[in-house]
Structures are given as structure tokens and as C-alpha cells.
Amino acid sequence: MEQLENEVKQVIIDVLQLEDMTTADIVTDAPLFLEGLGLDSIDALELGVAMQKRYGISMSADSAETRNHFASVRTLAAMIASNRKK
């Protein structure tokens, strides 16, 4: 799971062009939105599209379940691990 979590961190950095950050700078259990990494709804949309393309997962943008999956890198990686197409 740690490898997938690091992949997710790298996707976040690449997609959102966080050039001054490394995967080590992103705390796995920290919130992605508001007080944590500080992402906003536009970031969430971009990140969701990237995750769908990279991992072949589908998600609803307005679903409470999807919002829960985007709580942290750990929850996002767990969702990807259980839903991605092999």
C-alpha cells in the first residue's frame, strides 16, 4: 500500500504542478482539502480525472462517498486499490 500511496502523492504533485513539493512533503493521513494540503474544488476535479485515467476507476463528482475517498492520500489509495481495473 505504501507504494500506491507514494504513486498517489506523485500524481497529486504532477497534476497540480506543485513543483516545490516532493512526495515526502505530503503527509499520508493529512487532509487533502482546507487545513491539510489546501486543495480546492478545481484541484479535486483535476485530480479525479487524472485518477480515472491512470487507474481506470470511476467515481461520481457529487457523491458523498467520493468526497470521503478524497479525505487523504491514504483513503484515496485504499479506494484505488479496491476499485482499479487490473
PDB file of N, CA and C in Angstrom:
ATOM      1  N   MET A   1       0.822  -1.196   0.000  1.00  0.00           N
ATOM      2  CA  MET A   1       0.000   0.000   0.000  1.00  0.00           C
ATOM      3  C   MET A   1       0.863   1.256   0.000  1.00  0.00           C
ATOM      4  N   GLU A   2       2.008   1.191   0.651  1.00  0.00           N
ATOM      5  CA  GLU A   2       2.888   2.358   0.712  1.00  0.00           C
ATOM      6  C   GLU A   2       3.333   2.802  -0.685  1.00  0.00           C
ATOM      7  N   GLN A   3       3.584   1.838  -1.567  1.00  0.00           N
ATOM      8  CA  GLN A   3       3.985   2.178  -2.935  1.00  0.00           C
ATOM      9  C   GLN A   3       2.857   2.918  -3.644  1.00  0.00           C
ATOM     10  N   LEU A   4       1.633   2.438  -3.504  1.00  0.00           N
ATOM     11  CA  LEU A   4       0.489   3.104  -4.123  1.00  0.00           C
ATOM     12  C   LEU A   4       0.291   4.496  -3.530  1.00  0.00           C
ATOM     13  N   GLU A   5       0.457   4.633  -2.233  1.00  0.00           N
ATOM     14  CA  GLU A   5       0.336   5.944  -1.592  1.00  0.00           C
ATOM     15  C   GLU A   5       1.367   6.919  -2.160  1.00  0.00           C
ATOM     16  N   ASN A   6       2.589   6.444  -2.385  1.00  0.00           N
ATOM     17  CA  ASN A   6       3.609   7.312  -2.977  1.00  0.00           C
ATOM     18  C   ASN A   6       3.281   7.653  -4.426  1.00  0.00           C
ATOM     19  N   GLU A   7       2.696   6.696  -5.156  1.00  0.00           N
ATOM     20  CA  GLU A   7       2.248   6.985  -6.527  1.00  0.00           C
ATOM     21  C   GLU A   7       1.181   8.074  -6.523  1.00  0.00           C
ATOM     22  N   VAL A   8       0.228   7.958  -5.604  1.00  0.00           N
ATOM     23  CA  VAL A   8      -0.842   8.952  -5.497  1.00  0.00           C
ATOM     24  C   VAL A   8      -0.247  10.323  -5.179  1.00  0.00           C
ATOM     25  N   LYS A   9       0.704  10.365  -4.280  1.00  0.00           N
ATOM     26  CA  LYS A   9       1.365  11.625  -3.953  1.00  0.00           C
ATOM     27  C   LYS A   9       2.024  12.221  -5.189  1.00  0.00           C
ATOM     28  N   GLN A  10       2.688  11.381  -5.977  1.00  0.00           N
ATOM     29  CA  GLN A  10       3.358  11.879  -7.175  1.00  0.00           C
ATOM     30  C   GLN A  10       2.346  12.372  -8.200  1.00  0.00           C
ATOM     31  N   VAL A  11       1.215  11.685  -8.329  1.00  0.00           N
ATOM     32  CA  VAL A  11       0.152  12.142  -9.236  1.00  0.00           C
ATOM     33  C   VAL A  11      -0.350  13.512  -8.787  1.00  0.00           C
ATOM     34  N   ILE A  12      -0.554  13.686  -7.499  1.00  0.00           N
ATOM     35  CA  ILE A  12      -1.002  14.980  -6.971  1.00  0.00           C
ATOM     36  C   ILE A  12      -0.001  16.070  -7.348  1.00  0.00           C
ATOM     37  N   ILE A  13       1.258  15.804  -7.142  1.00  0.00           N
ATOM     38  CA  ILE A  13       2.309  16.777  -7.455  1.00  0.00           C
ATOM     39  C   ILE A  13       2.328  17.091  -8.951  1.00  0.00           C
ATOM     40  N   ASP A  14       2.262  16.056  -9.781  1.00  0.00           N
ATOM     41  CA  ASP A  14       2.336  16.248 -11.232  1.00  0.00           C
ATOM     42  C   ASP A  14       1.109  16.961 -11.785  1.00  0.00           C
ATOM     43  N   VAL A  15      -0.074  16.476 -11.417  1.00  0.00           N
ATOM     44  CA  VAL A  15      -1.313  17.015 -11.968  1.00  0.00           C
ATOM     45  C   VAL A  15      -1.541  18.462 -11.523  1.00  0.00           C
ATOM     46  N   LEU A  16      -1.244  18.744 -10.274  1.00  0.00           N
ATOM     47  CA  LEU A  16      -1.494  20.080  -9.747  1.00  0.00           C
ATOM     48  C   LEU A  16      -0.277  20.990  -9.852  1.00  0.00           C
ATOM     49  N   GLN A  17       0.776  20.478 -10.479  1.00  0.00           N
ATOM     50  CA  GLN A  17       2.001  21.236 -10.738  1.00  0.00           C
ATOM     51  C   GLN A  17       2.559  21.877  -9.460  1.00  0.00           C
ATOM     52  N   LEU A  18       2.691  21.053  -8.440  1.00  0.00           N
ATOM     53  CA  LEU A  18       3.245  21.501  -7.164  1.00  0.00           C
ATOM     54  C   LEU A  18       4.760  21.304  -7.207  1.00  0.00           C
ATOM     55  N   GLU A  19       5.416  22.108  -8.026  1.00  0.00           N
ATOM     56  CA  GLU A  19       6.827  21.917  -8.337  1.00  0.00           C
ATOM     57  C   GLU A  19       7.757  22.050  -7.136  1.00  0.00           C
ATOM     58  N   ASP A  20       7.314  22.759  -6.112  1.00  0.00           N
ATOM     59  CA  ASP A  20       8.175  22.952  -4.955  1.00  0.00           C
ATOM     60  C   ASP A  20       7.974  21.880  -3.887  1.00  0.00           C
ATOM     61  N   MET A  21       7.213  20.821  -4.210  1.00  0.00           N
ATOM     62  CA  MET A  21       6.939  19.751  -3.247  1.00  0.00           C
ATOM     63  C   MET A  21       7.503  18.423  -3.729  1.00  0.00           C
ATOM     64  N   THR A  22       7.784  17.550  -2.763  1.00  0.00           N
ATOM     65  CA  THR A  22       8.166  16.170  -3.058  1.00  0.00           C
ATOM     66  C   THR A  22       7.146  15.263  -2.379  1.00  0.00           C
ATOM     67  N   THR A  23       7.195  13.986  -2.698  1.00  0.00           N
ATOM     68  CA  THR A  23       6.265  13.051  -2.056  1.00  0.00           C
ATOM     69  C   THR A  23       6.460  13.032  -0.546  1.00  0.00           C
ATOM     70  N   ALA A  24       7.672  13.277  -0.091  1.00  0.00           N
ATOM     71  CA  ALA A  24       7.946  13.300   1.355  1.00  0.00           C
ATOM     72  C   ALA A  24       7.281  14.485   2.052  1.00  0.00           C
ATOM     73  N   ASP A  25       6.960  15.526   1.299  1.00  0.00           N
ATOM     74  CA  ASP A  25       6.319  16.711   1.877  1.00  0.00           C
ATOM     75  C   ASP A  25       4.827  16.498   2.142  1.00  0.00           C
ATOM     76  N   ILE A  26       4.235  15.489   1.514  1.00  0.00           N
ATOM     77  CA  ILE A  26       2.800  15.239   1.665  1.00  0.00           C
ATOM     78  C   ILE A  26       2.603  14.166   2.729  1.00  0.00           C
ATOM     79  N   VAL A  27       1.917  14.529   3.792  1.00  0.00           N
ATOM     80  CA  VAL A  27       1.641  13.597   4.885  1.00  0.00           C
ATOM     81  C   VAL A  27       0.492  12.690   4.468  1.00  0.00           C
ATOM     82  N   THR A  28       0.705  11.391   4.545  1.00  0.00           N
ATOM     83  CA  THR A  28      -0.244  10.398   4.041  1.00  0.00           C
ATOM     84  C   THR A  28      -1.630  10.532   4.657  1.00  0.00           C
ATOM     85  N   ASP A  29      -1.716  10.831   5.937  1.00  0.00           N
ATOM     86  CA  ASP A  29      -3.011  10.924   6.611  1.00  0.00           C
ATOM     87  C   ASP A  29      -3.539  12.350   6.738  1.00  0.00           C
ATOM     88  N   ALA A  30      -2.814  13.322   6.232  1.00  0.00           N
ATOM     89  CA  ALA A  30      -3.258  14.713   6.330  1.00  0.00           C
ATOM     90  C   ALA A  30      -4.422  14.954   5.368  1.00  0.00           C
ATOM     91  N   PRO A  31      -5.337  15.824   5.746  1.00  0.00           N
ATOM     92  CA  PRO A  31      -6.443  16.156   4.838  1.00  0.00           C
ATOM     93  C   PRO A  31      -5.909  16.758   3.543  1.00  0.00           C
ATOM     94  N   LEU A  32      -6.551  16.421   2.432  1.00  0.00           N
ATOM     95  CA  LEU A  32      -6.145  16.993   1.148  1.00  0.00           C
ATOM     96  C   LEU A  32      -6.721  18.392   0.954  1.00  0.00           C
ATOM     97  N   PHE A  33      -7.851  18.653   1.601  1.00  0.00           N
ATOM     98  CA  PHE A  33      -8.547  19.920   1.414  1.00  0.00           C
ATOM     99  C   PHE A  33      -8.526  20.747   2.688  1.00  0.00           C
ATOM    100  N   LEU A  34      -8.720  22.042   2.514  1.00  0.00           N
ATOM    101  CA  LEU A  34      -8.763  23.014   3.607  1.00  0.00           C
ATOM    102  C   LEU A  34      -7.466  23.046   4.393  1.00  0.00           C
ATOM    103  N   GLU A  35      -7.480  22.619   5.664  1.00  0.00           N
ATOM    104  CA  GLU A  35      -6.319  22.819   6.536  1.00  0.00           C
ATOM    105  C   GLU A  35      -5.118  21.943   6.197  1.00  0.00           C
ATOM    106  N   GLY A  36      -5.293  20.879   5.471  1.00  0.00           N
ATOM    107  CA  GLY A  36      -4.183  19.986   5.143  1.00  0.00           C
ATOM    108  C   GLY A  36      -3.373  20.523   3.978  1.00  0.00           C
ATOM    109  N   LEU A  37      -3.442  19.832   2.872  1.00  0.00           N
ATOM    110  CA  LEU A  37      -2.700  20.226   1.672  1.00  0.00           C
ATOM    111  C   LEU A  37      -3.287  21.494   1.054  1.00  0.00           C
ATOM    112  N   GLY A  38      -4.522  21.807   1.396  1.00  0.00           N
ATOM    113  CA  GLY A  38      -5.124  23.060   0.950  1.00  0.00           C
ATOM    114  C   GLY A  38      -5.696  23.039  -0.457  1.00  0.00           C
ATOM    115  N   LEU A  39      -6.085  21.877  -0.940  1.00  0.00           N
ATOM    116  CA  LEU A  39      -6.656  21.793  -2.280  1.00  0.00           C
ATOM    117  C   LEU A  39      -8.060  22.377  -2.294  1.00  0.00           C
ATOM    118  N   ASP A  40      -8.511  22.770  -3.501  1.00  0.00           N
ATOM    119  CA  ASP A  40      -9.867  23.298  -3.647  1.00  0.00           C
ATOM    120  C   ASP A  40     -10.662  22.434  -4.623  1.00  0.00           C
ATOM    121  N   SER A  41     -11.869  22.857  -4.949  1.00  0.00           N
ATOM    122  CA  SER A  41     -12.749  22.041  -5.792  1.00  0.00           C
ATOM    123  C   SER A  41     -12.206  21.865  -7.211  1.00  0.00           C
ATOM    124  N   ILE A  42     -11.535  22.856  -7.743  1.00  0.00           N
ATOM    125  CA  ILE A  42     -10.925  22.727  -9.080  1.00  0.00           C
ATOM    126  C   ILE A  42      -9.809  21.687  -9.028  1.00  0.00           C
ATOM    127  N   ASP A  43      -9.003  21.725  -7.978  1.00  0.00           N
ATOM    128  CA  ASP A  43      -7.949  20.720  -7.795  1.00  0.00           C
ATOM    129  C   ASP A  43      -8.555  19.322  -7.714  1.00  0.00           C
ATOM    130  N   ALA A  44      -9.679  19.211  -6.991  1.00  0.00           N
ATOM    131  CA  ALA A  44     -10.348  17.914  -6.840  1.00  0.00           C
ATOM    132  C   ALA A  44     -10.799  17.377  -8.191  1.00  0.00           C
ATOM    133  N   LEU A  45     -11.344  18.247  -9.020  1.00  0.00           N
ATOM    134  CA  LEU A  45     -11.795  17.835 -10.351  1.00  0.00           C
ATOM    135  C   LEU A  45     -10.620  17.348 -11.199  1.00  0.00           C
ATOM    136  N   GLU A  46      -9.552  18.113 -11.227  1.00  0.00           N
ATOM    137  CA  GLU A  46      -8.368  17.730 -11.992  1.00  0.00           C
ATOM    138  C   GLU A  46      -7.788  16.417 -11.482  1.00  0.00           C
ATOM    139  N   LEU A  47      -7.732  16.288 -10.181  1.00  0.00           N
ATOM    140  CA  LEU A  47      -7.185  15.081  -9.570  1.00  0.00           C
ATOM    141  C   LEU A  47      -8.075  13.875  -9.850  1.00  0.00           C
ATOM    142  N   GLY A  48      -9.380  14.059  -9.767  1.00  0.00           N
ATOM    143  CA  GLY A  48     -10.321  12.976 -10.063  1.00  0.00           C
ATOM    144  C   GLY A  48     -10.186  12.465 -11.477  1.00  0.00           C
ATOM    145  N   VAL A  49     -10.074  13.383 -12.430  1.00  0.00           N
ATOM    146  CA  VAL A  49      -9.912  12.992 -13.835  1.00  0.00           C
ATOM    147  C   VAL A  49      -8.602  12.224 -14.023  1.00  0.00           C
ATOM    148  N   ALA A  50      -7.539  12.706 -13.402  1.00  0.00           N
ATOM    149  CA  ALA A  50      -6.239  12.034 -13.513  1.00  0.00           C
ATOM    150  C   ALA A  50      -6.292  10.631 -12.915  1.00  0.00           C
ATOM    151  N   MET A  51      -6.961  10.473 -11.790  1.00  0.00           N
ATOM    152  CA  MET A  51      -7.079   9.157 -11.153  1.00  0.00           C
ATOM    153  C   MET A  51      -7.903   8.205 -12.014  1.00  0.00           C
ATOM    154  N   GLN A  52      -8.965   8.724 -12.620  1.00  0.00           N
ATOM    155  CA  GLN A  52      -9.785   7.893 -13.503  1.00  0.00           C
ATOM    156  C   GLN A  52      -8.971   7.398 -14.687  1.00  0.00           C
ATOM    157  N   LYS A  53      -8.202   8.296 -15.288  1.00  0.00           N
ATOM    158  CA  LYS A  53      -7.378   7.917 -16.447  1.00  0.00           C
ATOM    159  C   LYS A  53      -6.268   6.949 -16.065  1.00  0.00           C
ATOM    160  N   ARG A  54      -5.581   7.240 -14.987  1.00  0.00           N
ATOM    161  CA  ARG A  54      -4.413   6.439 -14.607  1.00  0.00           C
ATOM    162  C   ARG A  54      -4.788   5.062 -14.070  1.00  0.00           C
ATOM    163  N   TYR A  55      -5.842   4.997 -13.253  1.00  0.00           N
ATOM    164  CA  TYR A  55      -6.162   3.749 -12.562  1.00  0.00           C
ATOM    165  C   TYR A  55      -7.440   3.065 -13.059  1.00  0.00           C
ATOM    166  N   GLY A  56      -8.117   3.672 -14.031  1.00  0.00           N
ATOM    167  CA  GLY A  56      -9.307   3.051 -14.597  1.00  0.00           C
ATOM    168  C   GLY A  56     -10.467   2.947 -13.620  1.00  0.00           C
ATOM    169  N   ILE A  57     -10.527   3.865 -12.678  1.00  0.00           N
ATOM    170  CA  ILE A  57     -11.616   3.840 -11.701  1.00  0.00           C
ATOM    171  C   ILE A  57     -12.688   4.831 -12.136  1.00  0.00           C
ATOM    172  N   SER A  58     -13.908   4.600 -11.697  1.00  0.00           N
ATOM    173  CA  SER A  58     -14.973   5.563 -11.975  1.00  0.00           C
ATOM    174  C   SER A  58     -15.510   6.073 -10.657  1.00  0.00           C
ATOM    175  N   MET A  59     -15.875   7.339 -10.654  1.00  0.00           N
ATOM    176  CA  MET A  59     -16.407   7.956  -9.447  1.00  0.00           C
ATOM    177  C   MET A  59     -17.343   9.080  -9.836  1.00  0.00           C
ATOM    178  N   SER A  60     -18.260   9.373  -8.958  1.00  0.00           N
ATOM    179  CA  SER A  60     -19.206  10.456  -9.164  1.00  0.00           C
ATOM    180  C   SER A  60     -18.695  11.707  -8.462  1.00  0.00           C
ATOM    181  N   ALA A  61     -18.644  12.809  -9.182  1.00  0.00           N
ATOM    182  CA  ALA A  61     -18.087  14.044  -8.627  1.00  0.00           C
ATOM    183  C   ALA A  61     -18.900  14.587  -7.458  1.00  0.00           C
ATOM    184  N   ASP A  62     -20.199  14.349  -7.461  1.00  0.00           N
ATOM    185  CA  ASP A  62     -21.029  14.925  -6.405  1.00  0.00           C
ATOM    186  C   ASP A  62     -21.431  13.920  -5.322  1.00  0.00           C
ATOM    187  N   SER A  63     -20.772  12.798  -5.284  1.00  0.00           N
ATOM    188  CA  SER A  63     -21.083  11.751  -4.318  1.00  0.00           C
ATOM    189  C   SER A  63     -20.381  12.001  -2.981  1.00  0.00           C
ATOM    190  N   ALA A  64     -21.116  11.810  -1.900  1.00  0.00           N
ATOM    191  CA  ALA A  64     -20.512  11.931  -0.568  1.00  0.00           C
ATOM    192  C   ALA A  64     -19.437  10.872  -0.374  1.00  0.00           C
ATOM    193  N   GLU A  65     -19.655   9.704  -0.947  1.00  0.00           N
ATOM    194  CA  GLU A  65     -18.663   8.622  -0.853  1.00  0.00           C
ATOM    195  C   GLU A  65     -17.356   9.035  -1.519  1.00  0.00           C
ATOM    196  N   THR A  66     -17.446   9.670  -2.677  1.00  0.00           N
ATOM    197  CA  THR A  66     -16.239  10.140  -3.368  1.00  0.00           C
ATOM    198  C   THR A  66     -15.528  11.177  -2.523  1.00  0.00           C
ATOM    199  N   ARG A  67     -16.266  12.087  -1.921  1.00  0.00           N
ATOM    200  CA  ARG A  67     -15.639  13.100  -1.051  1.00  0.00           C
ATOM    201  C   ARG A  67     -14.904  12.435   0.107  1.00  0.00           C
ATOM    202  N   ASN A  68     -15.489  11.377   0.656  1.00  0.00           N
ATOM    203  CA  ASN A  68     -14.820  10.651   1.739  1.00  0.00           C
ATOM    204  C   ASN A  68     -13.531  10.007   1.263  1.00  0.00           C
ATOM    205  N   HIS A  69     -13.527   9.481   0.038  1.00  0.00           N
ATOM    206  CA  HIS A  69     -12.319   8.856  -0.512  1.00  0.00           C
ATOM    207  C   HIS A  69     -11.204   9.881  -0.721  1.00  0.00           C
ATOM    208  N   PHE A  70     -11.573  11.120  -0.980  1.00  0.00           N
ATOM    209  CA  PHE A  70     -10.591  12.169  -1.213  1.00  0.00           C
ATOM    210  C   PHE A  70     -10.170  12.872   0.082  1.00  0.00           C
ATOM    211  N   ALA A  71     -10.446  12.262   1.217  1.00  0.00           N
ATOM    212  CA  ALA A  71     -10.104  12.873   2.508  1.00  0.00           C
ATOM    213  C   ALA A  71      -8.595  12.990   2.696  1.00  0.00           C
ATOM    214  N   SER A  72      -7.848  11.967   2.289  1.00  0.00           N
ATOM    215  CA  SER A  72      -6.386  11.966   2.466  1.00  0.00           C
ATOM    216  C   SER A  72      -5.764  11.065   1.401  1.00  0.00           C
ATOM    217  N   VAL A  73      -4.464  11.083   1.324  1.00  0.00           N
ATOM    218  CA  VAL A  73      -3.763  10.187   0.395  1.00  0.00           C
ATOM    219  C   VAL A  73      -4.073   8.733   0.745  1.00  0.00           C
ATOM    220  N   ARG A  74      -4.102   8.418   2.035  1.00  0.00           N
ATOM    221  CA  ARG A  74      -4.360   7.038   2.462  1.00  0.00           C
ATOM    222  C   ARG A  74      -5.745   6.557   2.009  1.00  0.00           C
ATOM    223  N   THR A  75      -6.779   7.388   2.206  1.00  0.00           N
ATOM    224  CA  THR A  75      -8.133   6.972   1.816  1.00  0.00           C
ATOM    225  C   THR A  75      -8.260   6.890   0.305  1.00  0.00           C
ATOM    226  N   LEU A  76      -7.591   7.772  -0.399  1.00  0.00           N
ATOM    227  CA  LEU A  76      -7.621   7.740  -1.863  1.00  0.00           C
ATOM    228  C   LEU A  76      -6.918   6.490  -2.388  1.00  0.00           C
ATOM    229  N   ALA A  77      -5.774   6.165  -1.825  1.00  0.00           N
ATOM    230  CA  ALA A  77      -5.039   4.957  -2.236  1.00  0.00           C
ATOM    231  C   ALA A  77      -5.839   3.695  -1.928  1.00  0.00           C
ATOM    232  N   ALA A  78      -6.515   3.669  -0.794  1.00  0.00           N
ATOM    233  CA  ALA A  78      -7.332   2.500  -0.438  1.00  0.00           C
ATOM    234  C   ALA A  78      -8.478   2.320  -1.425  1.00  0.00           C
ATOM    235  N   MET A  79      -9.118   3.416  -1.824  1.00  0.00           N
ATOM    236  CA  MET A  79     -10.193   3.348  -2.810  1.00  0.00           C
ATOM    237  C   MET A  79      -9.674   2.861  -4.152  1.00  0.00           C
ATOM    238  N   ILE A  80      -8.523   3.362  -4.565  1.00  0.00           N
ATOM    239  CA  ILE A  80      -7.928   2.940  -5.836  1.00  0.00           C
ATOM    240  C   ILE A  80      -7.600   1.455  -5.790  1.00  0.00           C
ATOM    241  N   ALA A  81      -6.993   1.006  -4.700  1.00  0.00           N
ATOM    242  CA  ALA A  81      -6.601  -0.392  -4.567  1.00  0.00           C
ATOM    243  C   ALA A  81      -7.808  -1.331  -4.663  1.00  0.00           C
ATOM    244  N   SER A  82      -8.933  -0.907  -4.131  1.00  0.00           N
ATOM    245  CA  SER A  82     -10.105  -1.791  -4.137  1.00  0.00           C
ATOM    246  C   SER A  82     -10.954  -1.669  -5.394  1.00  0.00           C
ATOM    247  N   ASN A  83     -10.730  -0.643  -6.207  1.00  0.00           N
ATOM    248  CA  ASN A  83     -11.596  -0.413  -7.372  1.00  0.00           C
ATOM    249  C   ASN A  83     -10.921  -0.380  -8.728  1.00  0.00           C
ATOM    250  N   ARG A  84      -9.594  -0.330  -8.756  1.00  0.00           N
ATOM    251  CA  ARG A  84      -8.973  -0.164 -10.067  1.00  0.00           C
ATOM    252  C   ARG A  84      -9.068  -1.433 -10.889  1.00  0.00           C
ATOM    253  N   LYS A  85      -9.078  -1.222 -12.195  1.00  0.00           N
ATOM    254  CA  LYS A  85      -9.128  -2.344 -13.129  1.00  0.00           C
ATOM    255  C   LYS A  85      -7.736  -2.905 -13.264  1.00  0.00           C
ATOM    256  N   LYS A  86      -7.637  -4.200 -13.147  1.00  0.00           N
ATOM    257  CA  LYS A  86      -6.341  -4.878 -13.187  1.00  0.00           C
ATOM    258  C   LYS A  86      -5.768  -4.874 -14.587  1.00  0.00           C
TER     259      LYS A  86
END
